[in-house]
PDB file of all heavy atoms in Angstrom:
ATOM      1  N   VAL A   1     -12.550  12.134   0.264  1.00  0.00           N
ATOM      2  CA  VAL A   1     -11.142  12.275  -0.089  1.00  0.00           C
ATOM      3  C   VAL A   1     -11.036  12.363  -1.604  1.00  0.00           C
ATOM      4  O   VAL A   1     -11.602  11.534  -2.321  1.00  0.00           O
ATOM      5  CB  VAL A   1     -10.315  11.065   0.420  1.00  0.00           C
ATOM      6  CG1 VAL A   1      -8.883  11.148  -0.056  1.00  0.00           C
ATOM      7  CG2 VAL A   1     -10.377  10.970   1.935  1.00  0.00           C
ATOM      8  N   LEU A   2     -10.336  13.361  -2.099  1.00  0.00           N
ATOM      9  CA  LEU A   2     -10.088  13.531  -3.529  1.00  0.00           C
ATOM     10  C   LEU A   2      -8.717  12.948  -3.836  1.00  0.00           C
ATOM     11  O   LEU A   2      -7.747  13.234  -3.131  1.00  0.00           O
ATOM     12  CB  LEU A   2     -10.116  15.020  -3.886  1.00  0.00           C
ATOM     13  CG  LEU A   2      -9.904  15.387  -5.343  1.00  0.00           C
ATOM     14  CD1 LEU A   2     -11.075  14.895  -6.190  1.00  0.00           C
ATOM     15  CD2 LEU A   2      -9.739  16.886  -5.489  1.00  0.00           C
ATOM     16  N   TRP A   3      -8.642  12.088  -4.855  1.00  0.00           N
ATOM     17  CA  TRP A   3      -7.374  11.454  -5.186  1.00  0.00           C
ATOM     18  C   TRP A   3      -7.078  11.518  -6.676  1.00  0.00           C
ATOM     19  O   TRP A   3      -7.968  11.625  -7.502  1.00  0.00           O
ATOM     20  CB  TRP A   3      -7.336  10.000  -4.721  1.00  0.00           C
ATOM     21  CG  TRP A   3      -8.484   9.132  -5.171  1.00  0.00           C
ATOM     22  CD1 TRP A   3      -9.590   8.820  -4.452  1.00  0.00           C
ATOM     23  CD2 TRP A   3      -8.632   8.470  -6.423  1.00  0.00           C
ATOM     24  NE1 TRP A   3     -10.419   7.998  -5.178  1.00  0.00           N
ATOM     25  CE2 TRP A   3      -9.853   7.772  -6.396  1.00  0.00           C
ATOM     26  CE3 TRP A   3      -7.857   8.399  -7.581  1.00  0.00           C
ATOM     27  CZ2 TRP A   3     -10.313   7.015  -7.475  1.00  0.00           C
ATOM     28  CZ3 TRP A   3      -8.325   7.650  -8.654  1.00  0.00           C
ATOM     29  CH2 TRP A   3      -9.538   6.964  -8.583  1.00  0.00           C
ATOM     30  N   GLY A   4      -5.773  11.455  -6.992  1.00  0.00           N
ATOM     31  CA  GLY A   4      -5.297  11.310  -8.361  1.00  0.00           C
ATOM     32  C   GLY A   4      -4.883   9.868  -8.559  1.00  0.00           C
ATOM     33  O   GLY A   4      -4.258   9.260  -7.682  1.00  0.00           O
ATOM     34  N   GLY A   5      -5.239   9.299  -9.692  1.00  0.00           N
ATOM     35  CA  GLY A   5      -4.914   7.899  -9.966  1.00  0.00           C
ATOM     36  C   GLY A   5      -3.469   7.723 -10.376  1.00  0.00           C
ATOM     37  O   GLY A   5      -2.909   8.558 -11.078  1.00  0.00           O
ATOM     38  N   VAL A   6      -2.869   6.646  -9.928  1.00  0.00           N
ATOM     39  CA  VAL A   6      -1.497   6.313 -10.339  1.00  0.00           C
ATOM     40  C   VAL A   6      -1.612   5.388 -11.543  1.00  0.00           C
ATOM     41  O   VAL A   6      -2.205   4.317 -11.452  1.00  0.00           O
ATOM     42  CB  VAL A   6      -0.720   5.628  -9.201  1.00  0.00           C
ATOM     43  CG1 VAL A   6       0.621   5.111  -9.700  1.00  0.00           C
ATOM     44  CG2 VAL A   6      -0.525   6.600  -8.051  1.00  0.00           C
ATOM     45  N   THR A   7      -1.083   5.832 -12.671  1.00  0.00           N
ATOM     46  CA  THR A   7      -1.113   5.001 -13.871  1.00  0.00           C
ATOM     47  C   THR A   7       0.252   4.330 -13.995  1.00  0.00           C
ATOM     48  O   THR A   7       0.427   3.216 -13.532  1.00  0.00           O
ATOM     49  CB  THR A   7      -1.501   5.841 -15.103  1.00  0.00           C
ATOM     50  OG1 THR A   7      -0.684   7.011 -15.171  1.00  0.00           O
ATOM     51  CG2 THR A   7      -2.954   6.273 -15.019  1.00  0.00           C
ATOM     52  N   ASP A   8       1.254   5.006 -14.555  1.00  0.00           N
ATOM     53  CA  ASP A   8       2.603   4.442 -14.620  1.00  0.00           C
ATOM     54  C   ASP A   8       3.155   4.360 -13.203  1.00  0.00           C
ATOM     55  O   ASP A   8       3.053   5.311 -12.433  1.00  0.00           O
ATOM     56  CB  ASP A   8       3.528   5.328 -15.457  1.00  0.00           C
ATOM     57  CG  ASP A   8       3.039   5.521 -16.880  1.00  0.00           C
ATOM     58  OD1 ASP A   8       2.085   4.838 -17.279  1.00  0.00           O
ATOM     59  OD2 ASP A   8       3.612   6.373 -17.578  1.00  0.00           O
ATOM     60  N   GLY A   9       3.731   3.212 -12.863  1.00  0.00           N
ATOM     61  CA  GLY A   9       4.341   3.053 -11.549  1.00  0.00           C
ATOM     62  C   GLY A   9       3.456   2.366 -10.530  1.00  0.00           C
ATOM     63  O   GLY A   9       3.861   2.178  -9.385  1.00  0.00           O
ATOM     64  N   ALA A  10       2.255   1.979 -10.921  1.00  0.00           N
ATOM     65  CA  ALA A  10       1.338   1.353  -9.961  1.00  0.00           C
ATOM     66  C   ALA A  10       1.897   0.032  -9.424  1.00  0.00           C
ATOM     67  O   ALA A  10       1.790  -0.239  -8.221  1.00  0.00           O
ATOM     68  CB  ALA A  10      -0.035   1.139 -10.592  1.00  0.00           C
ATOM     69  N   GLU A  11       2.510  -0.770 -10.287  1.00  0.00           N
ATOM     70  CA  GLU A  11       2.992  -2.077  -9.828  1.00  0.00           C
ATOM     71  C   GLU A  11       4.165  -1.964  -8.859  1.00  0.00           C
ATOM     72  O   GLU A  11       4.151  -2.600  -7.797  1.00  0.00           O
ATOM     73  CB  GLU A  11       3.334  -2.980 -11.023  1.00  0.00           C
ATOM     74  CG  GLU A  11       3.434  -4.435 -10.642  1.00  0.00           C
ATOM     75  CD  GLU A  11       2.235  -4.951  -9.826  1.00  0.00           C
ATOM     76  OE1 GLU A  11       1.080  -4.660 -10.154  1.00  0.00           O
ATOM     77  OE2 GLU A  11       2.495  -5.649  -8.813  1.00  0.00           O
ATOM     78  N   PRO A  12       5.198  -1.161  -9.156  1.00  0.00           N
ATOM     79  CA  PRO A  12       6.263  -1.016  -8.155  1.00  0.00           C
ATOM     80  C   PRO A  12       5.758  -0.394  -6.850  1.00  0.00           C
ATOM     81  O   PRO A  12       6.226  -0.736  -5.766  1.00  0.00           O
ATOM     82  CB  PRO A  12       7.301  -0.115  -8.813  1.00  0.00           C
ATOM     83  CG  PRO A  12       6.851   0.146 -10.183  1.00  0.00           C
ATOM     84  CD  PRO A  12       5.532  -0.490 -10.411  1.00  0.00           C
ATOM     85  N   LEU A  13       4.768   0.483  -6.938  1.00  0.00           N
ATOM     86  CA  LEU A  13       4.201   1.076  -5.733  1.00  0.00           C
ATOM     87  C   LEU A  13       3.471   0.021  -4.902  1.00  0.00           C
ATOM     88  O   LEU A  13       3.587  -0.001  -3.677  1.00  0.00           O
ATOM     89  CB  LEU A  13       3.255   2.221  -6.112  1.00  0.00           C
ATOM     90  CG  LEU A  13       2.894   3.204  -5.014  1.00  0.00           C
ATOM     91  CD1 LEU A  13       4.120   3.810  -4.354  1.00  0.00           C
ATOM     92  CD2 LEU A  13       2.006   4.300  -5.586  1.00  0.00           C
ATOM     93  N   ARG A  14       2.767  -0.883  -5.571  1.00  0.00           N
ATOM     94  CA  ARG A  14       2.113  -1.999  -4.852  1.00  0.00           C
ATOM     95  C   ARG A  14       3.145  -2.891  -4.161  1.00  0.00           C
ATOM     96  O   ARG A  14       2.954  -3.309  -3.024  1.00  0.00           O
ATOM     97  CB  ARG A  14       1.279  -2.845  -5.818  1.00  0.00           C
ATOM     98  CG  ARG A  14      -0.098  -2.342  -6.059  1.00  0.00           C
ATOM     99  CD  ARG A  14      -0.929  -3.388  -6.835  1.00  0.00           C
ATOM    100  NE  ARG A  14      -2.069  -2.741  -7.431  1.00  0.00           N
ATOM    101  CZ  ARG A  14      -2.119  -2.230  -8.651  1.00  0.00           C
ATOM    102  NH1 ARG A  14      -1.076  -2.313  -9.454  1.00  0.00           N
ATOM    103  NH2 ARG A  14      -3.208  -1.642  -9.096  1.00  0.00           N
ATOM    104  N   ARG A  15       4.234  -3.191  -4.870  1.00  0.00           N
ATOM    105  CA  ARG A  15       5.281  -4.025  -4.266  1.00  0.00           C
ATOM    106  C   ARG A  15       5.886  -3.345  -3.045  1.00  0.00           C
ATOM    107  O   ARG A  15       6.118  -3.978  -2.008  1.00  0.00           O
ATOM    108  CB  ARG A  15       6.385  -4.335  -5.287  1.00  0.00           C
ATOM    109  CG  ARG A  15       5.996  -5.336  -6.351  1.00  0.00           C
ATOM    110  CD  ARG A  15       7.208  -5.830  -7.131  1.00  0.00           C
ATOM    111  NE  ARG A  15       8.019  -4.776  -7.718  1.00  0.00           N
ATOM    112  CZ  ARG A  15       7.887  -4.317  -8.960  1.00  0.00           C
ATOM    113  NH1 ARG A  15       6.951  -4.807  -9.768  1.00  0.00           N
ATOM    114  NH2 ARG A  15       8.684  -3.370  -9.406  1.00  0.00           N
ATOM    115  N   LEU A  16       6.133  -2.051  -3.164  1.00  0.00           N
ATOM    116  CA  LEU A  16       6.703  -1.291  -2.056  1.00  0.00           C
ATOM    117  C   LEU A  16       5.739  -1.279  -0.866  1.00  0.00           C
ATOM    118  O   LEU A  16       6.139  -1.502   0.276  1.00  0.00           O
ATOM    119  CB  LEU A  16       7.012   0.129  -2.522  1.00  0.00           C
ATOM    120  CG  LEU A  16       7.808   1.021  -1.611  1.00  0.00           C
ATOM    121  CD1 LEU A  16       9.120   0.382  -1.204  1.00  0.00           C
ATOM    122  CD2 LEU A  16       8.056   2.361  -2.291  1.00  0.00           C
ATOM    123  N   TYR A  17       4.468  -1.056  -1.140  1.00  0.00           N
ATOM    124  CA  TYR A  17       3.446  -1.090  -0.092  1.00  0.00           C
ATOM    125  C   TYR A  17       3.434  -2.450   0.610  1.00  0.00           C
ATOM    126  O   TYR A  17       3.430  -2.527   1.845  1.00  0.00           O
ATOM    127  CB  TYR A  17       2.068  -0.798  -0.698  1.00  0.00           C
ATOM    128  CG  TYR A  17       0.943  -0.995   0.281  1.00  0.00           C
ATOM    129  CD1 TYR A  17       0.561   0.045   1.124  1.00  0.00           C
ATOM    130  CD2 TYR A  17       0.272  -2.204   0.384  1.00  0.00           C
ATOM    131  CE1 TYR A  17      -0.468  -0.134   2.041  1.00  0.00           C
ATOM    132  CE2 TYR A  17      -0.748  -2.390   1.287  1.00  0.00           C
ATOM    133  CZ  TYR A  17      -1.122  -1.346   2.116  1.00  0.00           C
ATOM    134  OH  TYR A  17      -2.133  -1.532   3.020  1.00  0.00           O
ATOM    135  N   THR A  18       3.452  -3.516  -0.182  1.00  0.00           N
ATOM    136  CA  THR A  18       3.410  -4.872   0.376  1.00  0.00           C
ATOM    137  C   THR A  18       4.639  -5.139   1.248  1.00  0.00           C
ATOM    138  O   THR A  18       4.530  -5.728   2.329  1.00  0.00           O
ATOM    139  CB  THR A  18       3.306  -5.905  -0.757  1.00  0.00           C
ATOM    140  OG1 THR A  18       2.101  -5.650  -1.485  1.00  0.00           O
ATOM    141  CG2 THR A  18       3.278  -7.326  -0.223  1.00  0.00           C
ATOM    142  N   ALA A  19       5.815  -4.692   0.800  1.00  0.00           N
ATOM    143  CA  ALA A  19       7.043  -4.898   1.572  1.00  0.00           C
ATOM    144  C   ALA A  19       7.010  -4.123   2.891  1.00  0.00           C
ATOM    145  O   ALA A  19       7.376  -4.650   3.941  1.00  0.00           O
ATOM    146  CB  ALA A  19       8.264  -4.493   0.748  1.00  0.00           C
ATOM    147  N   ILE A  20       6.548  -2.879   2.844  1.00  0.00           N
ATOM    148  CA  ILE A  20       6.458  -2.071   4.073  1.00  0.00           C
ATOM    149  C   ILE A  20       5.404  -2.648   5.006  1.00  0.00           C
ATOM    150  O   ILE A  20       5.640  -2.778   6.213  1.00  0.00           O
ATOM    151  CB  ILE A  20       6.159  -0.591   3.735  1.00  0.00           C
ATOM    152  CG1 ILE A  20       7.362   0.040   3.029  1.00  0.00           C
ATOM    153  CG2 ILE A  20       5.797   0.191   5.000  1.00  0.00           C
ATOM    154  CD1 ILE A  20       7.105   1.420   2.457  1.00  0.00           C
ATOM    155  N   GLU A  21       4.261  -3.031   4.450  1.00  0.00           N
ATOM    156  CA  GLU A  21       3.193  -3.609   5.260  1.00  0.00           C
ATOM    157  C   GLU A  21       3.694  -4.853   6.011  1.00  0.00           C
ATOM    158  O   GLU A  21       3.451  -5.005   7.214  1.00  0.00           O
ATOM    159  CB  GLU A  21       1.997  -3.970   4.381  1.00  0.00           C
ATOM    160  CG  GLU A  21       0.857  -4.610   5.151  1.00  0.00           C
ATOM    161  CD  GLU A  21      -0.266  -5.057   4.236  1.00  0.00           C
ATOM    162  OE1 GLU A  21       0.008  -5.823   3.283  1.00  0.00           O
ATOM    163  OE2 GLU A  21      -1.409  -4.654   4.487  1.00  0.00           O
ATOM    164  N   ALA A  22       4.405  -5.727   5.319  1.00  0.00           N
ATOM    165  CA  ALA A  22       4.906  -6.955   5.945  1.00  0.00           C
ATOM    166  C   ALA A  22       5.842  -6.638   7.103  1.00  0.00           C
ATOM    167  O   ALA A  22       5.758  -7.264   8.178  1.00  0.00           O
ATOM    168  CB  ALA A  22       5.619  -7.827   4.901  1.00  0.00           C
ATOM    169  N   LYS A  23       6.729  -5.666   6.912  1.00  0.00           N
ATOM    170  CA  LYS A  23       7.675  -5.294   7.975  1.00  0.00           C
ATOM    171  C   LYS A  23       6.933  -4.715   9.185  1.00  0.00           C
ATOM    172  O   LYS A  23       7.271  -5.029  10.329  1.00  0.00           O
ATOM    173  CB  LYS A  23       8.687  -4.263   7.464  1.00  0.00           C
ATOM    174  CG  LYS A  23       9.528  -4.726   6.304  1.00  0.00           C
ATOM    175  CD  LYS A  23      10.679  -5.551   6.764  1.00  0.00           C
ATOM    176  CE  LYS A  23      11.574  -5.891   5.588  1.00  0.00           C
ATOM    177  NZ  LYS A  23      12.362  -7.077   5.838  1.00  0.00           N
ATOM    178  N   LEU A  24       5.928  -3.876   8.941  1.00  0.00           N
ATOM    179  CA  LEU A  24       5.183  -3.268  10.048  1.00  0.00           C
ATOM    180  C   LEU A  24       4.297  -4.290  10.756  1.00  0.00           C
ATOM    181  O   LEU A  24       4.118  -4.220  11.975  1.00  0.00           O
ATOM    182  CB  LEU A  24       4.365  -2.080   9.550  1.00  0.00           C
ATOM    183  CG  LEU A  24       5.185  -0.905   9.007  1.00  0.00           C
ATOM    184  CD1 LEU A  24       4.261   0.220   8.550  1.00  0.00           C
ATOM    185  CD2 LEU A  24       6.195  -0.399  10.022  1.00  0.00           C
ATOM    186  N   LEU A  25       3.747  -5.244   9.995  1.00  0.00           N
ATOM    187  CA  LEU A  25       2.976  -6.323  10.622  1.00  0.00           C
ATOM    188  C   LEU A  25       3.874  -7.150  11.537  1.00  0.00           C
ATOM    189  O   LEU A  25       3.472  -7.514  12.650  1.00  0.00           O
ATOM    190  CB  LEU A  25       2.328  -7.211   9.562  1.00  0.00           C
ATOM    191  CG  LEU A  25       1.115  -6.634   8.844  1.00  0.00           C
ATOM    192  CD1 LEU A  25       0.753  -7.482   7.626  1.00  0.00           C
ATOM    193  CD2 LEU A  25      -0.074  -6.512   9.780  1.00  0.00           C
ATOM    194  N   ASP A  26       5.102  -7.445  11.084  1.00  0.00           N
ATOM    195  CA  ASP A  26       6.050  -8.202  11.899  1.00  0.00           C
ATOM    196  C   ASP A  26       6.363  -7.477  13.215  1.00  0.00           C
ATOM    197  O   ASP A  26       6.581  -8.120  14.241  1.00  0.00           O
ATOM    198  CB  ASP A  26       7.365  -8.449  11.138  1.00  0.00           C
ATOM    199  CG  ASP A  26       7.225  -9.479  10.033  1.00  0.00           C
ATOM    200  OD1 ASP A  26       6.202 -10.194   9.988  1.00  0.00           O
ATOM    201  OD2 ASP A  26       8.146  -9.553   9.194  1.00  0.00           O
ATOM    202  N   LEU A  27       6.380  -6.145  13.164  1.00  0.00           N
ATOM    203  CA  LEU A  27       6.655  -5.355  14.365  1.00  0.00           C
ATOM    204  C   LEU A  27       5.431  -5.218  15.266  1.00  0.00           C
ATOM    205  O   LEU A  27       5.533  -4.714  16.384  1.00  0.00           O
ATOM    206  CB  LEU A  27       7.140  -3.949  13.973  1.00  0.00           C
ATOM    207  CG  LEU A  27       8.522  -3.845  13.355  1.00  0.00           C
ATOM    208  CD1 LEU A  27       8.768  -2.427  12.854  1.00  0.00           C
ATOM    209  CD2 LEU A  27       9.585  -4.237  14.368  1.00  0.00           C
ATOM    210  N   GLY A  28       4.256  -5.598  14.737  1.00  0.00           N
ATOM    211  CA  GLY A  28       3.024  -5.423  15.500  1.00  0.00           C
ATOM    212  C   GLY A  28       2.557  -3.980  15.535  1.00  0.00           C
ATOM    213  O   GLY A  28       1.804  -3.575  16.417  1.00  0.00           O
ATOM    214  N   LEU A  29       2.994  -3.197  14.548  1.00  0.00           N
ATOM    215  CA  LEU A  29       2.678  -1.764  14.520  1.00  0.00           C
ATOM    216  C   LEU A  29       1.655  -1.395  13.457  1.00  0.00           C
ATOM    217  O   LEU A  29       1.480  -0.224  13.154  1.00  0.00           O
ATOM    218  CB  LEU A  29       3.962  -0.962  14.266  1.00  0.00           C
ATOM    219  CG  LEU A  29       5.039  -1.112  15.323  1.00  0.00           C
ATOM    220  CD1 LEU A  29       6.313  -0.398  14.889  1.00  0.00           C
ATOM    221  CD2 LEU A  29       4.546  -0.561  16.655  1.00  0.00           C
ATOM    222  N   TYR A  30       1.003  -2.388  12.900  1.00  0.00           N
ATOM    223  CA  TYR A  30       0.092  -2.133  11.792  1.00  0.00           C
ATOM    224  C   TYR A  30      -1.004  -3.180  11.821  1.00  0.00           C
ATOM    225  O   TYR A  30      -0.756  -4.329  12.151  1.00  0.00           O
ATOM    226  CB  TYR A  30       0.874  -2.215  10.470  1.00  0.00           C
ATOM    227  CG  TYR A  30       0.074  -1.914   9.237  1.00  0.00           C
ATOM    228  CD1 TYR A  30      -0.248  -0.608   8.890  1.00  0.00           C
ATOM    229  CD2 TYR A  30      -0.362  -2.941   8.399  1.00  0.00           C
ATOM    230  CE1 TYR A  30      -0.979  -0.330   7.750  1.00  0.00           C
ATOM    231  CE2 TYR A  30      -1.089  -2.670   7.254  1.00  0.00           C
ATOM    232  CZ  TYR A  30      -1.395  -1.362   6.941  1.00  0.00           C
ATOM    233  OH  TYR A  30      -2.122  -1.085   5.817  1.00  0.00           O
ATOM    234  N   VAL A  31      -2.192  -2.764  11.498  1.00  0.00           N
ATOM    235  CA  VAL A  31      -3.319  -3.685  11.372  1.00  0.00           C
ATOM    236  C   VAL A  31      -3.655  -3.772   9.892  1.00  0.00           C
ATOM    237  O   VAL A  31      -3.878  -2.744   9.242  1.00  0.00           O
ATOM    238  CB  VAL A  31      -4.542  -3.189  12.173  1.00  0.00           C
ATOM    239  CG1 VAL A  31      -5.721  -4.114  11.962  1.00  0.00           C
ATOM    240  CG2 VAL A  31      -4.195  -3.080  13.650  1.00  0.00           C
ATOM    241  N   LYS A  32      -3.665  -4.972   9.349  1.00  0.00           N
ATOM    242  CA  LYS A  32      -3.920  -5.175   7.918  1.00  0.00           C
ATOM    243  C   LYS A  32      -5.309  -4.679   7.546  1.00  0.00           C
ATOM    244  O   LYS A  32      -6.285  -4.930   8.243  1.00  0.00           O
ATOM    245  CB  LYS A  32      -3.780  -6.648   7.562  1.00  0.00           C
ATOM    246  CG  LYS A  32      -3.800  -6.912   6.072  1.00  0.00           C
ATOM    247  CD  LYS A  32      -3.286  -8.313   5.792  1.00  0.00           C
ATOM    248  CE  LYS A  32      -3.281  -8.621   4.325  1.00  0.00           C
ATOM    249  NZ  LYS A  32      -2.410  -7.812   3.521  1.00  0.00           N
ATOM    250  N   GLU A  33      -5.378  -3.951   6.447  1.00  0.00           N
ATOM    251  CA  GLU A  33      -6.649  -3.441   5.931  1.00  0.00           C
ATOM    252  C   GLU A  33      -7.447  -4.588   5.320  1.00  0.00           C
ATOM    253  O   GLU A  33      -6.871  -5.510   4.749  1.00  0.00           O
ATOM    254  CB  GLU A  33      -6.393  -2.385   4.852  1.00  0.00           C
ATOM    255  CG  GLU A  33      -5.649  -1.178   5.341  1.00  0.00           C
ATOM    256  CD  GLU A  33      -6.542   0.036   5.496  1.00  0.00           C
ATOM    257  OE1 GLU A  33      -7.699  -0.011   5.071  1.00  0.00           O
ATOM    258  OE2 GLU A  33      -6.045   1.022   6.046  1.00  0.00           O
ATOM    259  N   GLU A  34      -8.752  -4.507   5.415  1.00  0.00           N
ATOM    260  CA  GLU A  34      -9.603  -5.527   4.786  1.00  0.00           C
ATOM    261  C   GLU A  34      -9.639  -5.345   3.276  1.00  0.00           C
ATOM    262  O   GLU A  34      -9.700  -6.309   2.533  1.00  0.00           O
ATOM    263  CB  GLU A  34     -11.020  -5.457   5.353  1.00  0.00           C
ATOM    264  CG  GLU A  34     -11.105  -5.973   6.775  1.00  0.00           C
ATOM    265  CD  GLU A  34     -12.525  -5.998   7.292  1.00  0.00           C
ATOM    266  OE1 GLU A  34     -13.469  -6.116   6.475  1.00  0.00           O
ATOM    267  OE2 GLU A  34     -12.694  -5.902   8.511  1.00  0.00           O
ATOM    268  N   ARG A  35      -9.617  -4.106   2.825  1.00  0.00           N
ATOM    269  CA  ARG A  35      -9.669  -3.855   1.376  1.00  0.00           C
ATOM    270  C   ARG A  35      -8.262  -3.861   0.801  1.00  0.00           C
ATOM    271  O   ARG A  35      -7.282  -3.625   1.504  1.00  0.00           O
ATOM    272  CB  ARG A  35     -10.369  -2.529   1.095  1.00  0.00           C
ATOM    273  CG  ARG A  35      -9.666  -1.347   1.696  1.00  0.00           C
ATOM    274  CD  ARG A  35     -10.431  -0.056   1.447  1.00  0.00           C
ATOM    275  NE  ARG A  35      -9.695   1.040   2.012  1.00  0.00           N
ATOM    276  CZ  ARG A  35     -10.064   1.723   3.077  1.00  0.00           C
ATOM    277  NH1 ARG A  35     -11.181   1.426   3.698  1.00  0.00           N
ATOM    278  NH2 ARG A  35      -9.337   2.712   3.526  1.00  0.00           N
ATOM    279  N   ASP A  36      -8.182  -4.141  -0.492  1.00  0.00           N
ATOM    280  CA  ASP A  36      -6.898  -4.154  -1.178  1.00  0.00           C
ATOM    281  C   ASP A  36      -6.352  -2.731  -1.301  1.00  0.00           C
ATOM    282  O   ASP A  36      -7.104  -1.763  -1.370  1.00  0.00           O
ATOM    283  CB  ASP A  36      -7.050  -4.756  -2.577  1.00  0.00           C
ATOM    284  CG  ASP A  36      -7.279  -6.255  -2.543  1.00  0.00           C
ATOM    285  OD1 ASP A  36      -6.906  -6.891  -1.538  1.00  0.00           O
ATOM    286  OD2 ASP A  36      -7.843  -6.785  -3.513  1.00  0.00           O
ATOM    287  N   TYR A  37      -5.039  -2.630  -1.370  1.00  0.00           N
ATOM    288  CA  TYR A  37      -4.380  -1.339  -1.568  1.00  0.00           C
ATOM    289  C   TYR A  37      -4.606  -0.880  -3.002  1.00  0.00           C
ATOM    290  O   TYR A  37      -4.403  -1.640  -3.952  1.00  0.00           O
ATOM    291  CB  TYR A  37      -2.885  -1.492  -1.283  1.00  0.00           C
ATOM    292  CG  TYR A  37      -2.079  -0.276  -1.658  1.00  0.00           C
ATOM    293  CD1 TYR A  37      -2.229   0.919  -0.963  1.00  0.00           C
ATOM    294  CD2 TYR A  37      -1.181  -0.322  -2.710  1.00  0.00           C
ATOM    295  CE1 TYR A  37      -1.494   2.037  -1.309  1.00  0.00           C
ATOM    296  CE2 TYR A  37      -0.433   0.789  -3.057  1.00  0.00           C
ATOM    297  CZ  TYR A  37      -0.598   1.965  -2.353  1.00  0.00           C
ATOM    298  OH  TYR A  37       0.132   3.063  -2.704  1.00  0.00           O
ATOM    299  N   THR A  38      -4.988   0.366  -3.164  1.00  0.00           N
ATOM    300  CA  THR A  38      -5.164   0.975  -4.473  1.00  0.00           C
ATOM    301  C   THR A  38      -4.180   2.134  -4.586  1.00  0.00           C
ATOM    302  O   THR A  38      -4.320   3.131  -3.865  1.00  0.00           O
ATOM    303  CB  THR A  38      -6.605   1.509  -4.653  1.00  0.00           C
ATOM    304  OG1 THR A  38      -7.517   0.432  -4.475  1.00  0.00           O
ATOM    305  CG2 THR A  38      -6.793   2.131  -6.027  1.00  0.00           C
ATOM    306  N   PRO A  39      -3.160   2.026  -5.451  1.00  0.00           N
ATOM    307  CA  PRO A  39      -2.204   3.128  -5.591  1.00  0.00           C
ATOM    308  C   PRO A  39      -2.907   4.417  -6.005  1.00  0.00           C
ATOM    309  O   PRO A  39      -3.683   4.441  -6.961  1.00  0.00           O
ATOM    310  CB  PRO A  39      -1.264   2.646  -6.691  1.00  0.00           C
ATOM    311  CG  PRO A  39      -1.371   1.158  -6.665  1.00  0.00           C
ATOM    312  CD  PRO A  39      -2.803   0.884  -6.302  1.00  0.00           C
ATOM    313  N   HIS A  40      -2.659   5.477  -5.249  1.00  0.00           N
ATOM    314  CA  HIS A  40      -3.264   6.781  -5.528  1.00  0.00           C
ATOM    315  C   HIS A  40      -2.459   7.862  -4.823  1.00  0.00           C
ATOM    316  O   HIS A  40      -1.632   7.576  -3.971  1.00  0.00           O
ATOM    317  CB  HIS A  40      -4.721   6.824  -5.044  1.00  0.00           C
ATOM    318  CG  HIS A  40      -4.857   6.794  -3.556  1.00  0.00           C
ATOM    319  ND1 HIS A  40      -4.732   5.621  -2.823  1.00  0.00           N
ATOM    320  CD2 HIS A  40      -5.063   7.778  -2.662  1.00  0.00           C
ATOM    321  CE1 HIS A  40      -4.879   5.893  -1.543  1.00  0.00           C
ATOM    322  NE2 HIS A  40      -5.070   7.205  -1.412  1.00  0.00           N
ATOM    323  N   LEU A  41      -2.726   9.097  -5.186  1.00  0.00           N
ATOM    324  CA  LEU A  41      -2.129  10.250  -4.537  1.00  0.00           C
ATOM    325  C   LEU A  41      -3.268  11.062  -3.942  1.00  0.00           C
ATOM    326  O   LEU A  41      -4.140  11.536  -4.679  1.00  0.00           O
ATOM    327  CB  LEU A  41      -1.347  11.091  -5.555  1.00  0.00           C
ATOM    328  CG  LEU A  41      -0.737  12.383  -5.044  1.00  0.00           C
ATOM    329  CD1 LEU A  41       0.375  12.076  -4.048  1.00  0.00           C
ATOM    330  CD2 LEU A  41      -0.198  13.200  -6.195  1.00  0.00           C
TER     331      LEU A  41
END
């Protein structure tokens, strides 16, 4: 997979990811990844 790194905006993107992940985990529709989320495109 080829990706572009997120420089500006990485922290709000992490927060958004964490908020969405929590909601999907509550629904039972997501399995938590073992590795940490790395903001990228």
